[in-house]
Amino acid sequence: MATPEGSVDDIFLPGGRLRLDCFSDDALRALRESLRLARDTRWDSVRSPHVFMGLLAVPDASVRNWGERLQADLSKLLSQFQELFHQEQGEEEAVLVLNREFLSDNVIRLLRDAYSRAVDHQRCKITPMDLLISLLTASNSIVADCFERIGVTAAKLTELAVMAEHTGRGERPV
């Protein structure tokens, strides 16, 4: 569900700038990395695969745990996604900042979903796992689709992410 622009509960300030206070330090690192990766792959806006790549580039303990459960080498997975989403024709030096105008509609939805998920779990800040789980459970997720093509379902990816998240907090998975 979209939040009205300018709402106190929105993750964007009225001018479109991202509310940085809504994100954990690790989540912010991943988002900043997604900006760099969008530039490196020659996109003029941040797309959901860039957010995924940002999570892989600077994984916190929970994302690393997810990768272990998936039996995936996160740096190799990052390289594969960079190659897959690299554009030969595109902006070499695109100016990108954490502002609504530089984010795709899917990323805006993803960030709002991640915030809702954090609030649902009684947290005031979005974590990398909120981003990852929201990304994997989004309808028409291109990242989940990439995994589906190699036989790993979005449901399995999400299950492993939830297990990793609970392990990181010292909880048992439900």
Protein backbone atom coordinates (compact mmCIF):
# COMPACT_ATOMS: atom_id res chain seq x y z
CA MET A 1 0.00 0.00 0.00
CA ALA A 2 1.46 3.35 -1.01
CA THR A 3 1.92 5.97 1.66
CA PRO A 4 0.82 9.51 0.79
CA GLU A 5 3.68 11.84 -0.08
CA GLY A 6 4.79 13.88 2.88
CA SER A 7 3.25 11.53 5.44
CA VAL A 8 5.15 11.31 8.73
CA ASP A 9 5.20 7.53 8.30
CA ASP A 10 6.74 7.68 4.84
CA ILE A 11 10.40 6.90 4.23
CA PHE A 12 10.76 9.99 2.02
CA LEU A 13 10.95 13.58 3.12
CA PRO A 14 8.62 16.01 1.30
CA GLY A 15 11.39 16.98 -1.17
CA GLY A 16 11.95 13.34 -2.14
CA ARG A 17 15.10 12.73 -0.11
CA LEU A 18 15.22 9.37 1.66
CA ARG A 19 14.74 9.53 5.44
CA LEU A 20 18.08 8.10 6.52
CA ASP A 21 16.84 7.74 10.12
CA CYS A 22 14.56 4.92 8.90
CA PHE A 23 17.54 2.69 8.05
CA SER A 24 20.10 0.78 10.09
CA ASP A 25 23.73 1.59 9.36
CA ASP A 26 24.12 -1.73 7.51
CA ALA A 27 21.03 -1.09 5.38
CA LEU A 28 22.30 2.39 4.51
CA ARG A 29 25.69 0.96 3.52
CA ALA A 30 23.92 -1.48 1.19
CA LEU A 31 21.80 1.31 -0.34
CA ARG A 32 24.83 3.51 -0.90
CA GLU A 33 26.57 0.57 -2.51
CA SER A 34 23.53 0.07 -4.76
CA LEU A 35 24.04 3.64 -6.03
CA ARG A 36 27.64 2.83 -6.93
CA LEU A 37 26.63 -0.43 -8.60
CA ALA A 38 23.90 1.28 -10.63
CA ARG A 39 26.55 3.70 -11.91
CA ASP A 40 29.04 0.88 -12.56
CA THR A 41 26.47 -1.06 -14.58
CA ARG A 42 25.57 2.14 -16.48
CA TRP A 43 22.02 2.69 -15.28
CA ASP A 44 20.59 6.16 -14.74
CA SER A 45 18.39 4.99 -11.85
CA VAL A 46 18.59 2.46 -9.05
CA ARG A 47 16.64 -0.72 -9.81
CA SER A 48 15.81 -3.62 -7.51
CA PRO A 49 18.74 -5.75 -8.81
CA HIS A 50 21.06 -2.92 -7.72
CA VAL A 51 19.61 -3.07 -4.20
CA PHE A 52 20.24 -6.82 -4.22
CA MET A 53 23.79 -6.27 -5.46
CA GLY A 54 24.31 -3.67 -2.72
CA LEU A 55 23.27 -6.26 -0.11
CA LEU A 56 25.75 -8.73 -1.60
CA ALA A 57 28.57 -6.17 -1.83
CA VAL A 58 28.46 -5.22 1.87
CA PRO A 59 26.72 -8.16 3.54
CA ASP A 60 25.95 -7.98 7.23
CA ALA A 61 26.01 -11.15 9.35
CA SER A 62 22.42 -12.08 8.44
CA VAL A 63 22.97 -11.71 4.70
CA ARG A 64 26.16 -13.77 5.00
CA ASN A 65 24.18 -16.40 6.92
CA TRP A 66 21.55 -16.39 4.15
CA GLY A 67 24.31 -16.93 1.58
CA GLU A 68 25.70 -19.85 3.59
CA ARG A 69 22.25 -21.43 3.84
CA LEU A 70 21.88 -20.98 0.08
CA GLN A 71 25.37 -22.46 -0.35
CA ALA A 72 26.28 -19.47 -2.47
CA ASP A 73 29.48 -17.49 -2.74
CA LEU A 74 28.15 -13.95 -2.30
CA SER A 75 31.03 -12.28 -4.15
CA LYS A 76 30.58 -14.65 -7.10
CA LEU A 77 26.82 -14.05 -7.04
CA LEU A 78 27.48 -10.30 -7.03
CA SER A 79 29.77 -10.62 -10.06
CA GLN A 80 27.13 -12.64 -11.91
CA PHE A 81 24.44 -10.02 -11.24
CA GLN A 82 26.81 -7.20 -12.25
CA GLU A 83 27.48 -8.97 -15.52
CA LEU A 84 23.80 -9.77 -16.07
CA PHE A 85 22.66 -6.18 -15.49
CA HIS A 86 25.57 -4.33 -17.10
CA GLN A 87 24.52 -2.15 -20.03
CA GLU A 88 27.00 -1.42 -22.79
CA GLN A 89 24.99 1.60 -23.83
CA GLY A 90 24.28 3.80 -20.86
CA GLU A 91 25.39 6.56 -18.59
CA GLU A 92 29.03 6.17 -17.65
CA GLU A 93 28.92 8.86 -14.97
CA ALA A 94 25.25 9.04 -13.95
CA VAL A 95 24.52 11.30 -11.00
CA LEU A 96 22.61 9.21 -8.49
CA VAL A 97 21.60 10.04 -4.93
CA LEU A 98 19.23 8.55 -2.37
CA ASN A 99 16.29 10.55 -3.63
CA ARG A 100 12.94 9.34 -4.96
CA GLU A 101 13.61 10.70 -8.46
CA PHE A 102 16.63 8.39 -8.89
CA LEU A 103 14.81 5.24 -7.74
CA SER A 104 12.62 3.02 -9.90
CA ASP A 105 8.98 2.54 -8.91
CA ASN A 106 9.86 -1.01 -7.84
CA VAL A 107 12.63 0.25 -5.54
CA ILE A 108 10.29 2.84 -4.02
CA ARG A 109 7.75 0.06 -3.36
CA LEU A 110 10.54 -2.19 -2.04
CA LEU A 111 11.74 0.46 0.43
CA ARG A 112 8.21 1.14 1.65
CA ASP A 113 7.52 -2.59 2.00
CA ALA A 114 10.78 -3.02 3.93
CA TYR A 115 9.76 -0.19 6.26
CA SER A 116 6.33 -1.76 6.81
CA ARG A 117 8.03 -5.07 7.54
CA ALA A 118 10.38 -3.44 10.06
CA VAL A 119 7.43 -1.74 11.80
CA ASP A 120 5.49 -5.02 11.81
CA HIS A 121 8.47 -6.56 13.63
CA GLN A 122 8.53 -3.68 16.17
CA ARG A 123 11.66 -2.06 14.73
CA CYS A 124 12.01 1.61 13.86
CA LYS A 125 14.82 0.99 11.37
CA ILE A 126 14.98 -1.08 8.19
CA THR A 127 17.60 -3.82 8.30
CA PRO A 128 19.35 -5.49 5.36
CA MET A 129 17.11 -8.53 5.92
CA ASP A 130 14.00 -6.34 5.64
CA LEU A 131 15.35 -5.22 2.28
CA LEU A 132 16.26 -8.75 1.17
CA ILE A 133 12.99 -10.39 2.24
CA SER A 134 10.90 -7.56 0.76
CA LEU A 135 12.87 -7.85 -2.47
CA LEU A 136 12.38 -11.63 -2.67
CA THR A 137 8.65 -11.49 -1.88
CA ALA A 138 7.79 -8.62 -4.23
CA SER A 139 5.45 -9.52 -7.05
CA ASN A 140 7.32 -9.81 -10.34
CA SER A 141 10.70 -9.63 -8.60
CA ILE A 142 13.39 -9.75 -11.26
CA VAL A 143 15.89 -10.98 -8.67
CA ALA A 144 13.62 -13.87 -7.65
CA ASP A 145 13.00 -14.56 -11.35
CA CYS A 146 16.76 -14.90 -11.95
CA PHE A 147 16.92 -17.54 -9.22
CA GLU A 148 13.78 -19.30 -10.51
CA ARG A 149 15.58 -19.78 -13.84
CA ILE A 150 18.22 -21.89 -12.09
CA GLY A 151 15.66 -23.83 -10.08
CA VAL A 152 15.62 -21.94 -6.77
CA THR A 153 12.16 -20.65 -5.89
CA ALA A 154 11.39 -17.30 -4.30
CA ALA A 155 9.69 -19.22 -1.50
CA LYS A 156 12.90 -21.15 -0.76
CA LEU A 157 15.02 -17.98 -0.92
CA THR A 158 12.62 -16.26 1.48
CA GLU A 159 12.51 -19.24 3.84
CA LEU A 160 16.31 -19.25 4.04
CA ALA A 161 16.34 -15.48 4.60
CA VAL A 162 13.83 -15.71 7.46
CA MET A 163 15.87 -18.51 9.03
CA ALA A 164 19.05 -16.42 8.70
CA GLU A 165 17.31 -13.40 10.18
CA HIS A 166 16.14 -15.35 13.24
CA THR A 167 19.57 -16.94 13.69
CA GLY A 168 21.15 -13.48 13.64
CA ARG A 169 18.88 -12.38 16.49
CA GLY A 170 19.46 -15.54 18.49
CA GLU A 171 15.91 -16.74 17.87
CA ARG A 172 14.66 -20.04 16.61
CA PRO A 173 12.85 -19.91 13.25
CA VAL A 174 9.07 -20.14 13.46
